[in-house]
N, C-alpha and C. Protein backbone atom coordinates (compact mmCIF):
# COMPACT_ATOMS: atom_id res chain seq x y z
N MET A 1 96.00 91.63 86.16
CA MET A 1 96.41 92.87 86.80
C MET A 1 97.81 92.70 87.40
N MET A 2 98.63 93.70 87.23
CA MET A 2 99.97 93.66 87.82
C MET A 2 99.89 94.01 89.30
N PRO A 3 100.47 93.16 90.14
CA PRO A 3 100.46 93.49 91.57
C PRO A 3 101.44 94.60 91.92
N LEU A 4 101.11 95.32 92.98
CA LEU A 4 102.04 96.31 93.53
C LEU A 4 103.24 95.59 94.13
N PHE A 5 102.97 94.45 94.79
CA PHE A 5 103.98 93.58 95.38
C PHE A 5 103.29 92.27 95.75
N SER A 6 104.07 91.27 96.10
CA SER A 6 103.53 89.97 96.48
C SER A 6 104.22 89.47 97.73
N ILE A 7 103.52 88.65 98.50
CA ILE A 7 104.07 88.02 99.69
C ILE A 7 103.68 86.54 99.63
N THR A 8 104.66 85.67 99.84
CA THR A 8 104.40 84.24 99.93
C THR A 8 104.70 83.79 101.35
N GLY A 9 103.79 83.02 101.93
CA GLY A 9 104.01 82.53 103.28
C GLY A 9 103.03 81.43 103.64
N LYS A 10 103.33 80.78 104.74
CA LYS A 10 102.51 79.68 105.23
C LYS A 10 101.35 80.22 106.07
N VAL A 11 100.18 79.59 105.91
CA VAL A 11 99.00 79.98 106.69
C VAL A 11 99.13 79.40 108.09
N ILE A 12 99.00 80.28 109.08
CA ILE A 12 99.07 79.87 110.49
C ILE A 12 97.74 80.18 111.17
N ARG A 13 97.52 79.54 112.28
CA ARG A 13 96.29 79.77 113.05
C ARG A 13 96.39 81.13 113.74
N GLY A 14 95.33 81.94 113.56
CA GLY A 14 95.26 83.23 114.23
C GLY A 14 94.39 83.13 115.47
N ASN A 15 93.84 84.26 115.89
CA ASN A 15 93.02 84.27 117.10
C ASN A 15 91.53 84.12 116.80
N GLN A 16 91.18 83.82 115.55
CA GLN A 16 89.81 83.51 115.13
C GLN A 16 88.83 84.69 115.22
N LEU A 17 89.33 85.90 115.33
CA LEU A 17 88.44 87.06 115.41
C LEU A 17 87.72 87.32 114.09
N GLY A 18 88.39 87.08 112.97
CA GLY A 18 87.77 87.27 111.67
C GLY A 18 86.53 86.40 111.51
N ILE A 19 86.62 85.17 111.96
CA ILE A 19 85.47 84.26 111.89
C ILE A 19 84.32 84.82 112.71
N ARG A 20 84.62 85.32 113.89
CA ARG A 20 83.57 85.83 114.79
C ARG A 20 82.83 87.04 114.23
N ILE A 21 83.50 87.82 113.38
CA ILE A 21 82.80 88.98 112.81
C ILE A 21 82.35 88.73 111.37
N GLY A 22 82.48 87.48 110.90
CA GLY A 22 81.96 87.12 109.60
C GLY A 22 82.92 87.26 108.43
N TYR A 23 84.19 87.50 108.71
CA TYR A 23 85.19 87.64 107.67
C TYR A 23 86.45 86.85 108.04
N PRO A 24 86.39 85.52 107.90
CA PRO A 24 87.56 84.72 108.28
C PRO A 24 88.76 85.07 107.40
N THR A 25 89.93 85.02 108.00
CA THR A 25 91.16 85.36 107.27
C THR A 25 92.18 84.24 107.38
N ALA A 26 93.03 84.19 106.37
CA ALA A 26 94.22 83.34 106.41
C ALA A 26 95.34 84.24 106.90
N ASN A 27 95.92 83.89 108.04
CA ASN A 27 97.03 84.65 108.62
C ASN A 27 98.34 84.05 108.12
N ILE A 28 99.24 84.90 107.67
CA ILE A 28 100.47 84.45 107.04
C ILE A 28 101.65 84.62 107.99
N TYR A 29 102.44 83.54 108.14
CA TYR A 29 103.65 83.60 108.94
C TYR A 29 104.71 84.41 108.19
N LEU A 30 105.32 85.35 108.88
CA LEU A 30 106.41 86.16 108.31
C LEU A 30 107.66 85.97 109.15
N GLU A 31 108.73 85.54 108.51
CA GLU A 31 109.98 85.34 109.23
C GLU A 31 110.56 86.67 109.71
N HIS A 32 110.41 87.72 108.89
CA HIS A 32 110.93 89.05 109.23
C HIS A 32 109.81 90.08 109.06
N PRO A 33 108.86 90.14 109.99
CA PRO A 33 107.73 91.04 109.83
C PRO A 33 108.11 92.52 109.70
N GLU A 34 109.22 92.91 110.29
CA GLU A 34 109.63 94.31 110.22
C GLU A 34 109.89 94.75 108.77
N SER A 35 110.14 93.81 107.90
CA SER A 35 110.36 94.13 106.48
C SER A 35 109.10 94.65 105.79
N TYR A 36 107.94 94.46 106.43
CA TYR A 36 106.67 94.82 105.82
C TYR A 36 105.98 96.00 106.51
N HIS A 37 106.58 96.56 107.54
CA HIS A 37 105.95 97.64 108.31
C HIS A 37 105.61 98.85 107.45
N HIS A 38 106.37 99.13 106.41
CA HIS A 38 106.12 100.31 105.56
C HIS A 38 104.97 100.10 104.59
N LEU A 39 104.38 98.91 104.55
CA LEU A 39 103.31 98.59 103.60
C LEU A 39 101.93 98.54 104.23
N THR A 40 101.79 99.01 105.46
CA THR A 40 100.51 98.87 106.17
C THR A 40 99.34 99.43 105.38
N GLY A 41 98.20 98.75 105.52
CA GLY A 41 96.98 99.18 104.87
C GLY A 41 96.11 98.02 104.45
N VAL A 42 94.99 98.35 103.84
CA VAL A 42 94.04 97.37 103.33
C VAL A 42 94.13 97.38 101.81
N TYR A 43 94.14 96.20 101.21
CA TYR A 43 94.37 96.06 99.78
C TYR A 43 93.36 95.11 99.13
N ALA A 44 93.07 95.34 97.85
CA ALA A 44 92.42 94.35 97.01
C ALA A 44 93.53 93.37 96.62
N ALA A 45 93.21 92.06 96.62
CA ALA A 45 94.27 91.07 96.40
C ALA A 45 93.78 89.90 95.55
N GLN A 46 94.74 89.30 94.87
CA GLN A 46 94.54 88.03 94.17
C GLN A 46 95.46 87.04 94.87
N VAL A 47 94.95 85.85 95.15
CA VAL A 47 95.71 84.89 95.96
C VAL A 47 95.79 83.54 95.26
N ASP A 48 97.00 83.01 95.22
CA ASP A 48 97.25 81.68 94.66
C ASP A 48 97.24 80.68 95.81
N VAL A 49 96.27 79.76 95.76
CA VAL A 49 96.15 78.67 96.74
C VAL A 49 96.23 77.37 95.95
N ASP A 50 97.33 76.65 96.07
CA ASP A 50 97.51 75.38 95.35
C ASP A 50 97.28 75.51 93.85
N GLY A 51 97.74 76.60 93.26
CA GLY A 51 97.61 76.78 91.83
C GLY A 51 96.26 77.30 91.36
N LYS A 52 95.34 77.55 92.29
CA LYS A 52 94.04 78.13 91.96
C LYS A 52 94.03 79.58 92.45
N TRP A 53 93.38 80.45 91.67
CA TRP A 53 93.36 81.88 92.00
C TRP A 53 92.04 82.28 92.62
N TYR A 54 92.13 83.09 93.67
CA TYR A 54 90.97 83.61 94.38
C TYR A 54 91.12 85.10 94.56
N SER A 55 90.00 85.79 94.58
CA SER A 55 89.99 87.23 94.85
C SER A 55 89.72 87.44 96.33
N GLY A 56 90.24 88.54 96.85
CA GLY A 56 90.00 88.82 98.25
C GLY A 56 90.47 90.21 98.64
N MET A 57 90.53 90.42 99.94
CA MET A 57 91.06 91.67 100.48
C MET A 57 92.03 91.31 101.59
N ALA A 58 93.10 92.06 101.66
CA ALA A 58 94.17 91.75 102.60
C ALA A 58 94.47 92.95 103.48
N ASN A 59 94.94 92.65 104.67
CA ASN A 59 95.39 93.69 105.60
C ASN A 59 96.82 93.39 106.01
N ILE A 60 97.64 94.43 105.94
CA ILE A 60 98.99 94.38 106.49
C ILE A 60 99.03 95.44 107.56
N GLY A 61 99.38 95.05 108.77
CA GLY A 61 99.48 96.08 109.78
C GLY A 61 99.45 95.59 111.20
N PHE A 62 99.22 96.55 112.07
CA PHE A 62 99.34 96.33 113.51
C PHE A 62 98.01 96.02 114.19
N ARG A 63 96.92 96.00 113.42
CA ARG A 63 95.58 95.69 113.94
C ARG A 63 95.32 96.48 115.22
N PRO A 64 95.27 97.82 115.12
CA PRO A 64 95.21 98.67 116.31
C PRO A 64 93.91 98.55 117.11
N THR A 65 92.86 97.97 116.54
CA THR A 65 91.61 97.81 117.28
C THR A 65 91.73 96.68 118.30
N LEU A 66 92.64 95.73 118.07
CA LEU A 66 92.83 94.61 119.00
C LEU A 66 93.63 95.06 120.21
N SER A 67 93.46 94.32 121.27
CA SER A 67 94.22 94.63 122.48
C SER A 67 94.94 93.37 122.94
N PRO A 68 96.24 93.36 122.96
CA PRO A 68 97.15 94.40 122.47
C PRO A 68 97.29 94.29 120.95
N PRO A 69 97.61 95.40 120.29
CA PRO A 69 97.83 95.35 118.84
C PRO A 69 99.02 94.45 118.51
N SER A 70 98.96 93.81 117.37
CA SER A 70 100.08 92.97 116.93
C SER A 70 100.16 93.02 115.41
N PHE A 71 101.36 92.93 114.88
CA PHE A 71 101.57 93.03 113.44
C PHE A 71 101.19 91.72 112.75
N SER A 72 100.51 91.82 111.61
CA SER A 72 100.14 90.62 110.87
C SER A 72 99.92 90.94 109.40
N VAL A 73 99.94 89.88 108.60
CA VAL A 73 99.46 89.92 107.22
C VAL A 73 98.35 88.89 107.17
N GLU A 74 97.17 89.31 106.76
CA GLU A 74 96.03 88.39 106.70
C GLU A 74 95.20 88.72 105.48
N VAL A 75 94.53 87.69 104.94
CA VAL A 75 93.73 87.86 103.74
C VAL A 75 92.40 87.14 103.88
N HIS A 76 91.34 87.81 103.48
CA HIS A 76 89.99 87.23 103.43
C HIS A 76 89.70 86.93 101.97
N LEU A 77 89.41 85.67 101.65
CA LEU A 77 89.12 85.25 100.28
C LEU A 77 87.61 85.19 100.09
N PHE A 78 87.11 85.87 99.09
CA PHE A 78 85.67 85.95 98.85
C PHE A 78 85.10 84.57 98.51
N GLY A 79 84.09 84.15 99.29
CA GLY A 79 83.39 82.90 99.02
C GLY A 79 84.20 81.64 99.29
N PHE A 80 85.31 81.74 99.98
CA PHE A 80 86.22 80.62 100.20
C PHE A 80 85.88 79.94 101.52
N THR A 81 85.79 78.62 101.52
CA THR A 81 85.40 77.90 102.75
C THR A 81 86.34 76.76 103.12
N GLU A 82 87.43 76.56 102.40
CA GLU A 82 88.33 75.45 102.68
C GLU A 82 89.25 75.74 103.87
N MET A 83 89.70 74.67 104.54
CA MET A 83 90.71 74.80 105.59
C MET A 83 92.08 74.77 104.90
N ILE A 84 92.89 75.78 105.14
CA ILE A 84 94.17 75.86 104.45
C ILE A 84 95.35 76.08 105.40
N TYR A 85 95.18 75.74 106.68
CA TYR A 85 96.30 75.87 107.62
C TYR A 85 97.49 75.08 107.11
N GLU A 86 98.68 75.66 107.27
CA GLU A 86 99.96 75.07 106.88
C GLU A 86 100.21 75.10 105.38
N LYS A 87 99.27 75.57 104.57
CA LYS A 87 99.50 75.67 103.12
C LYS A 87 100.29 76.94 102.82
N LEU A 88 100.99 76.91 101.71
CA LEU A 88 101.74 78.07 101.25
C LEU A 88 100.85 78.87 100.31
N LEU A 89 100.67 80.17 100.60
CA LEU A 89 99.89 81.07 99.75
C LEU A 89 100.80 82.13 99.18
N THR A 90 100.44 82.61 97.99
CA THR A 90 101.07 83.81 97.46
C THR A 90 99.97 84.85 97.30
N ILE A 91 100.13 85.94 98.02
CA ILE A 91 99.17 87.05 97.96
C ILE A 91 99.75 88.11 97.04
N HIS A 92 98.98 88.44 96.01
CA HIS A 92 99.36 89.52 95.10
C HIS A 92 98.52 90.74 95.48
N PHE A 93 99.16 91.77 95.97
CA PHE A 93 98.50 92.99 96.41
C PHE A 93 98.29 93.87 95.18
N ILE A 94 97.03 94.00 94.75
CA ILE A 94 96.70 94.64 93.48
C ILE A 94 96.53 96.15 93.62
N SER A 95 95.79 96.58 94.63
CA SER A 95 95.52 98.01 94.79
C SER A 95 95.28 98.32 96.26
N ARG A 96 95.86 99.41 96.73
CA ARG A 96 95.67 99.83 98.12
C ARG A 96 94.33 100.53 98.25
N ILE A 97 93.54 100.11 99.23
CA ILE A 97 92.20 100.67 99.45
C ILE A 97 92.23 101.80 100.46
N ARG A 98 92.93 101.58 101.58
CA ARG A 98 92.93 102.60 102.63
C ARG A 98 94.04 102.33 103.63
N ASP A 99 94.26 103.33 104.51
CA ASP A 99 95.15 103.18 105.65
C ASP A 99 94.50 102.29 106.69
N GLU A 100 95.31 101.82 107.60
CA GLU A 100 94.82 101.07 108.74
C GLU A 100 94.54 102.08 109.87
N TYR A 101 93.40 101.91 110.57
CA TYR A 101 93.12 102.79 111.69
C TYR A 101 92.31 102.07 112.75
N THR A 102 92.21 102.71 113.92
CA THR A 102 91.54 102.14 115.08
C THR A 102 90.04 102.41 115.01
N PHE A 103 89.25 101.41 115.37
CA PHE A 103 87.79 101.55 115.40
C PHE A 103 87.32 101.55 116.85
N ASP A 104 86.20 102.25 117.10
CA ASP A 104 85.65 102.36 118.45
C ASP A 104 84.93 101.09 118.90
N SER A 105 84.53 100.26 117.95
CA SER A 105 83.78 99.04 118.31
C SER A 105 83.97 97.99 117.23
N TRP A 106 83.64 96.75 117.59
CA TRP A 106 83.69 95.66 116.61
C TRP A 106 82.67 95.91 115.50
N GLU A 107 81.54 96.49 115.86
CA GLU A 107 80.50 96.77 114.86
C GLU A 107 81.01 97.79 113.84
N ALA A 108 81.72 98.81 114.29
CA ALA A 108 82.29 99.80 113.38
C ALA A 108 83.33 99.16 112.46
N LEU A 109 84.15 98.28 113.01
CA LEU A 109 85.14 97.56 112.22
C LEU A 109 84.44 96.70 111.16
N LYS A 110 83.40 95.98 111.56
CA LYS A 110 82.67 95.11 110.63
C LYS A 110 82.04 95.93 109.49
N LYS A 111 81.49 97.09 109.81
CA LYS A 111 80.91 97.96 108.77
C LYS A 111 81.98 98.42 107.79
N GLN A 112 83.16 98.77 108.30
CA GLN A 112 84.24 99.21 107.41
C GLN A 112 84.73 98.06 106.54
N ILE A 113 84.80 96.87 107.10
CA ILE A 113 85.24 95.72 106.30
C ILE A 113 84.27 95.48 105.15
N ALA A 114 82.96 95.64 105.39
CA ALA A 114 81.98 95.49 104.31
C ALA A 114 82.22 96.52 103.21
N ILE A 115 82.55 97.74 103.60
CA ILE A 115 82.87 98.79 102.62
C ILE A 115 84.14 98.43 101.86
N ASP A 116 85.15 97.94 102.58
CA ASP A 116 86.41 97.53 101.95
C ASP A 116 86.16 96.39 100.96
N GLN A 117 85.30 95.46 101.34
CA GLN A 117 85.00 94.33 100.47
C GLN A 117 84.36 94.80 99.16
N THR A 118 83.42 95.74 99.26
CA THR A 118 82.79 96.30 98.06
C THR A 118 83.83 96.96 97.17
N ALA A 119 84.74 97.71 97.77
CA ALA A 119 85.79 98.38 97.01
C ALA A 119 86.71 97.36 96.35
N ALA A 120 87.10 96.33 97.09
CA ALA A 120 88.00 95.31 96.53
C ALA A 120 87.34 94.58 95.37
N LYS A 121 86.06 94.23 95.52
CA LYS A 121 85.36 93.54 94.44
C LYS A 121 85.26 94.42 93.20
N GLU A 122 85.04 95.71 93.41
CA GLU A 122 84.98 96.63 92.27
C GLU A 122 86.34 96.71 91.57
N ILE A 123 87.40 96.86 92.33
CA ILE A 123 88.75 96.93 91.78
C ILE A 123 89.09 95.67 90.99
N LEU A 124 88.71 94.52 91.54
CA LEU A 124 89.06 93.23 90.95
C LEU A 124 88.04 92.75 89.93
N SER A 125 86.99 93.54 89.71
CA SER A 125 85.91 93.17 88.79
C SER A 125 85.28 91.83 89.16
N VAL A 126 85.03 91.66 90.45
CA VAL A 126 84.38 90.45 90.96
C VAL A 126 82.89 90.74 91.00
N SER A 127 82.08 89.77 90.55
CA SER A 127 80.63 89.97 90.57
C SER A 127 80.18 90.26 91.99
N ASP A 128 79.09 90.95 92.12
CA ASP A 128 78.60 91.37 93.43
C ASP A 128 77.77 90.28 94.10
N GLN A 129 78.10 89.01 93.85
CA GLN A 129 77.40 87.94 94.55
C GLN A 129 77.77 87.99 96.01
N PRO A 130 76.87 87.51 96.88
CA PRO A 130 77.17 87.57 98.30
C PRO A 130 78.41 86.78 98.65
N ASP A 131 79.15 87.27 99.61
CA ASP A 131 80.30 86.54 100.15
C ASP A 131 79.72 85.51 101.09
N THR A 132 79.94 84.24 100.79
CA THR A 132 79.34 83.18 101.61
C THR A 132 79.90 83.14 103.02
N ASN A 133 81.02 83.84 103.26
CA ASN A 133 81.59 83.83 104.61
C ASN A 133 81.06 84.97 105.48
N SER A 134 80.62 86.06 104.88
CA SER A 134 80.19 87.19 105.70
C SER A 134 78.77 87.01 106.17
N LYS A 135 78.45 87.65 107.28
CA LYS A 135 77.11 87.53 107.88
C LYS A 135 76.46 88.88 107.94
């Protein structure tokens, strides 16, 4: 699949909220984050990690449900369990799923992420096996 665009960056430690809600993410360091503000949203993605390809879903945006909101690029890789801090990833953004918006609760956010995951797997033709990271 041809990507809409790609971003390459180093994985940095985030605030671990993705792990707490069952969807751990690789947070990407951006030298000039303002260059990506026009791309906000949730996407189906293919990710190159050390020459191996993984399917996932990515978010670019301000994470408005967090307090205080902060801009980030992060990707959840389906069934991925390796530690990849400090590694260089290339995220290929394949298809935009939705806009970014604020949720009233963590539970509402978690439900939407499950919906996003189903959409991303369908777009990427990933089998509907359970995501070993989600709860």
